[in-house]
């Protein structure tokens, strides 16, 4: 899932680890990136294929809107190391 997200969006690892479920807007096919290298918020488009993959992933994951999109096994933020 994470590899697909990297390929489809081109986000950096630090950006990916900060994305929360609420940052996704599947109806508009976008994801909001609020923790970027330049410290500016930006909105990225998502492909229809990525939308389908995310939709299935979220059905299985069943997280809350304030949860990280890609948490560690304890439900906390992924670490880089």
N, C-alpha and C. Protein backbone atom coordinates (compact mmCIF):
# COMPACT_ATOMS: atom_id res chain seq x y z
N UNK A 1 0.83 -1.18 0.00
CA UNK A 1 0.00 0.00 0.00
C UNK A 1 0.88 1.25 0.00
N UNK A 2 1.87 1.26 0.86
CA UNK A 2 2.75 2.43 0.96
C UNK A 2 3.52 2.65 -0.34
N UNK A 3 4.01 1.58 -0.94
CA UNK A 3 4.75 1.69 -2.20
C UNK A 3 3.84 2.25 -3.29
N UNK A 4 2.62 1.76 -3.37
CA UNK A 4 1.65 2.31 -4.34
C UNK A 4 1.44 3.80 -4.11
N UNK A 5 1.32 4.21 -2.84
CA UNK A 5 1.09 5.61 -2.52
C UNK A 5 2.28 6.46 -2.94
N UNK A 6 3.51 5.98 -2.66
CA UNK A 6 4.72 6.70 -3.09
C UNK A 6 4.75 6.88 -4.59
N UNK A 7 4.49 5.82 -5.32
CA UNK A 7 4.55 5.87 -6.78
C UNK A 7 3.48 6.81 -7.35
N UNK A 8 2.29 6.75 -6.80
CA UNK A 8 1.19 7.56 -7.34
C UNK A 8 1.25 9.03 -6.96
N UNK A 9 1.87 9.35 -5.83
CA UNK A 9 1.86 10.74 -5.38
C UNK A 9 3.21 11.42 -5.42
N UNK A 10 4.30 10.67 -5.29
CA UNK A 10 5.63 11.26 -5.26
C UNK A 10 5.95 11.97 -3.96
N UNK A 11 5.22 11.67 -2.89
CA UNK A 11 5.48 12.33 -1.61
C UNK A 11 6.80 11.85 -1.01
N UNK A 12 7.35 12.65 -0.13
CA UNK A 12 8.54 12.26 0.62
C UNK A 12 8.13 11.41 1.81
N UNK A 13 9.07 10.67 2.37
CA UNK A 13 8.79 9.83 3.52
C UNK A 13 8.26 10.65 4.69
N UNK A 14 8.86 11.80 4.94
CA UNK A 14 8.41 12.64 6.05
C UNK A 14 6.99 13.14 5.84
N UNK A 15 6.61 13.35 4.60
CA UNK A 15 5.23 13.76 4.30
C UNK A 15 4.27 12.59 4.50
N UNK A 16 4.67 11.41 4.04
CA UNK A 16 3.82 10.23 4.14
C UNK A 16 3.51 9.87 5.60
N UNK A 17 4.51 9.98 6.46
CA UNK A 17 4.30 9.59 7.86
C UNK A 17 3.39 10.55 8.61
N UNK A 18 3.14 11.72 8.06
CA UNK A 18 2.27 12.70 8.71
C UNK A 18 0.85 12.76 8.16
N UNK A 19 0.55 11.98 7.13
CA UNK A 19 -0.78 12.01 6.53
C UNK A 19 -1.77 11.30 7.44
N UNK A 20 -2.88 11.95 7.68
CA UNK A 20 -3.96 11.35 8.46
C UNK A 20 -5.12 11.02 7.53
N UNK A 21 -5.99 10.16 7.98
CA UNK A 21 -7.13 9.75 7.17
C UNK A 21 -7.97 10.96 6.76
N UNK A 22 -8.08 11.94 7.66
CA UNK A 22 -8.88 13.13 7.34
C UNK A 22 -8.28 13.98 6.22
N UNK A 23 -7.01 13.74 5.89
CA UNK A 23 -6.36 14.49 4.81
C UNK A 23 -6.77 13.99 3.43
N UNK A 24 -7.40 12.84 3.38
CA UNK A 24 -7.87 12.28 2.11
C UNK A 24 -9.24 12.82 1.76
N UNK A 25 -9.45 13.14 0.51
CA UNK A 25 -10.78 13.48 0.01
C UNK A 25 -11.00 12.63 -1.23
N UNK A 26 -11.56 11.44 -1.02
CA UNK A 26 -11.73 10.50 -2.11
C UNK A 26 -12.73 10.99 -3.15
N UNK A 27 -13.70 11.79 -2.73
CA UNK A 27 -14.68 12.30 -3.70
C UNK A 27 -14.04 13.33 -4.65
N UNK A 28 -13.09 14.11 -4.14
CA UNK A 28 -12.39 15.08 -4.98
C UNK A 28 -11.10 14.50 -5.57
N UNK A 29 -10.78 13.27 -5.16
CA UNK A 29 -9.59 12.56 -5.62
C UNK A 29 -8.31 13.32 -5.29
N UNK A 30 -8.21 13.78 -4.03
CA UNK A 30 -7.04 14.54 -3.60
C UNK A 30 -6.59 14.10 -2.21
N UNK A 31 -5.35 14.47 -1.88
CA UNK A 31 -4.81 14.30 -0.54
C UNK A 31 -4.12 15.61 -0.18
N UNK A 32 -4.36 16.08 1.04
CA UNK A 32 -3.73 17.30 1.53
C UNK A 32 -2.45 16.95 2.27
N UNK A 33 -1.37 17.59 1.88
CA UNK A 33 -0.07 17.40 2.53
C UNK A 33 0.20 18.66 3.35
N UNK A 34 0.22 18.51 4.67
CA UNK A 34 0.38 19.69 5.52
C UNK A 34 1.78 19.79 6.13
N UNK A 35 2.55 18.72 6.10
CA UNK A 35 3.91 18.74 6.65
C UNK A 35 4.90 18.47 5.54
N UNK A 36 5.21 19.51 4.77
CA UNK A 36 6.12 19.34 3.64
C UNK A 36 7.47 19.96 3.97
N UNK A 37 8.44 19.68 3.12
CA UNK A 37 9.79 20.21 3.30
C UNK A 37 9.79 21.75 3.30
N UNK A 38 8.96 22.33 2.44
CA UNK A 38 8.90 23.79 2.34
C UNK A 38 7.97 24.40 3.38
N UNK A 39 7.35 23.57 4.20
CA UNK A 39 6.41 23.98 5.25
C UNK A 39 5.17 24.66 4.70
N UNK A 40 4.87 24.39 3.44
CA UNK A 40 3.64 24.91 2.84
C UNK A 40 2.68 23.76 2.63
N UNK A 41 1.42 24.04 2.86
CA UNK A 41 0.42 23.02 2.60
C UNK A 41 0.21 22.92 1.10
N UNK A 42 -0.06 21.70 0.64
CA UNK A 42 -0.35 21.51 -0.78
C UNK A 42 -1.35 20.37 -0.93
N UNK A 43 -2.04 20.39 -2.02
CA UNK A 43 -3.02 19.36 -2.33
C UNK A 43 -2.56 18.63 -3.58
N UNK A 44 -2.51 17.30 -3.47
CA UNK A 44 -2.05 16.47 -4.58
C UNK A 44 -3.22 15.68 -5.16
N UNK A 45 -3.25 15.51 -6.46
CA UNK A 45 -4.29 14.68 -7.08
C UNK A 45 -3.97 13.20 -6.87
N UNK A 46 -5.01 12.39 -6.82
CA UNK A 46 -4.86 10.94 -6.72
C UNK A 46 -5.47 10.31 -7.97
N UNK A 47 -4.81 9.31 -8.50
CA UNK A 47 -5.34 8.63 -9.67
C UNK A 47 -6.56 7.80 -9.28
N UNK A 48 -7.37 7.47 -10.26
CA UNK A 48 -8.56 6.65 -9.98
C UNK A 48 -8.17 5.28 -9.46
N UNK A 49 -7.06 4.75 -9.95
CA UNK A 49 -6.57 3.47 -9.46
C UNK A 49 -6.19 3.58 -7.99
N UNK A 50 -5.51 4.67 -7.63
CA UNK A 50 -5.12 4.87 -6.23
C UNK A 50 -6.35 5.05 -5.35
N UNK A 51 -7.38 5.70 -5.85
CA UNK A 51 -8.62 5.88 -5.10
C UNK A 51 -9.23 4.52 -4.79
N UNK A 52 -9.26 3.63 -5.78
CA UNK A 52 -9.82 2.29 -5.58
C UNK A 52 -9.02 1.51 -4.54
N UNK A 53 -7.70 1.61 -4.63
CA UNK A 53 -6.83 0.91 -3.68
C UNK A 53 -7.03 1.47 -2.27
N UNK A 54 -7.07 2.80 -2.15
CA UNK A 54 -7.28 3.43 -0.84
C UNK A 54 -8.64 3.08 -0.26
N UNK A 55 -9.65 3.03 -1.09
CA UNK A 55 -10.99 2.70 -0.63
C UNK A 55 -11.02 1.30 -0.01
N UNK A 56 -10.41 0.34 -0.69
CA UNK A 56 -10.33 -1.03 -0.15
C UNK A 56 -9.50 -1.07 1.13
N UNK A 57 -8.38 -0.36 1.12
CA UNK A 57 -7.50 -0.30 2.29
C UNK A 57 -8.24 0.26 3.50
N UNK A 58 -8.97 1.35 3.31
CA UNK A 58 -9.70 1.97 4.42
C UNK A 58 -10.83 1.09 4.93
N UNK A 59 -11.45 0.31 4.04
CA UNK A 59 -12.48 -0.65 4.47
C UNK A 59 -11.89 -1.70 5.40
N UNK A 60 -10.71 -2.16 5.08
CA UNK A 60 -10.04 -3.16 5.91
C UNK A 60 -9.48 -2.54 7.18
N UNK A 61 -8.88 -1.37 7.07
CA UNK A 61 -8.20 -0.71 8.18
C UNK A 61 -9.16 -0.23 9.26
N UNK A 62 -10.29 0.33 8.87
CA UNK A 62 -11.32 0.82 9.79
C UNK A 62 -10.79 1.79 10.86
N UNK A 63 -10.03 2.78 10.43
CA UNK A 63 -9.49 3.77 11.36
C UNK A 63 -10.41 4.96 11.55
N UNK A 64 -10.09 5.77 12.53
CA UNK A 64 -10.79 7.02 12.79
C UNK A 64 -10.18 8.13 11.93
N UNK A 65 -10.89 9.22 11.73
CA UNK A 65 -10.41 10.29 10.85
C UNK A 65 -9.13 10.94 11.35
N UNK A 66 -8.89 10.96 12.66
CA UNK A 66 -7.67 11.56 13.20
C UNK A 66 -6.50 10.58 13.27
N UNK A 67 -6.70 9.34 12.85
CA UNK A 67 -5.62 8.35 12.84
C UNK A 67 -4.70 8.59 11.65
N UNK A 68 -3.45 8.18 11.82
CA UNK A 68 -2.52 8.25 10.69
C UNK A 68 -2.96 7.27 9.61
N UNK A 69 -2.78 7.66 8.36
CA UNK A 69 -3.18 6.81 7.25
C UNK A 69 -2.37 5.51 7.24
N UNK A 70 -1.08 5.63 7.52
CA UNK A 70 -0.20 4.46 7.57
C UNK A 70 0.46 4.41 8.94
N UNK A 71 -0.22 3.83 9.94
CA UNK A 71 0.35 3.76 11.29
C UNK A 71 1.31 2.58 11.44
N UNK A 72 2.03 2.58 12.57
CA UNK A 72 2.83 1.41 12.89
C UNK A 72 1.91 0.35 13.50
N UNK A 73 2.45 -0.76 13.95
CA UNK A 73 1.62 -1.85 14.47
C UNK A 73 0.86 -1.48 15.74
N UNK A 74 1.27 -0.40 16.40
CA UNK A 74 0.60 0.06 17.62
C UNK A 74 -0.40 1.18 17.36
N UNK A 75 -0.58 1.53 16.09
CA UNK A 75 -1.52 2.58 15.73
C UNK A 75 -0.95 3.98 15.86
N UNK A 76 0.33 4.08 16.12
CA UNK A 76 1.00 5.38 16.26
C UNK A 76 1.67 5.77 14.95
N UNK A 77 2.27 6.95 14.94
CA UNK A 77 2.93 7.46 13.74
C UNK A 77 4.15 6.59 13.39
N UNK A 78 4.30 6.30 12.11
CA UNK A 78 5.48 5.58 11.63
C UNK A 78 6.72 6.40 11.90
N UNK A 79 7.82 5.74 12.23
CA UNK A 79 9.08 6.44 12.39
C UNK A 79 9.95 6.21 11.16
N UNK A 80 10.88 7.08 10.91
CA UNK A 80 11.72 6.99 9.73
C UNK A 80 12.82 5.95 9.90
N UNK A 81 13.14 5.60 11.10
CA UNK A 81 14.29 4.71 11.32
C UNK A 81 13.99 3.34 11.67
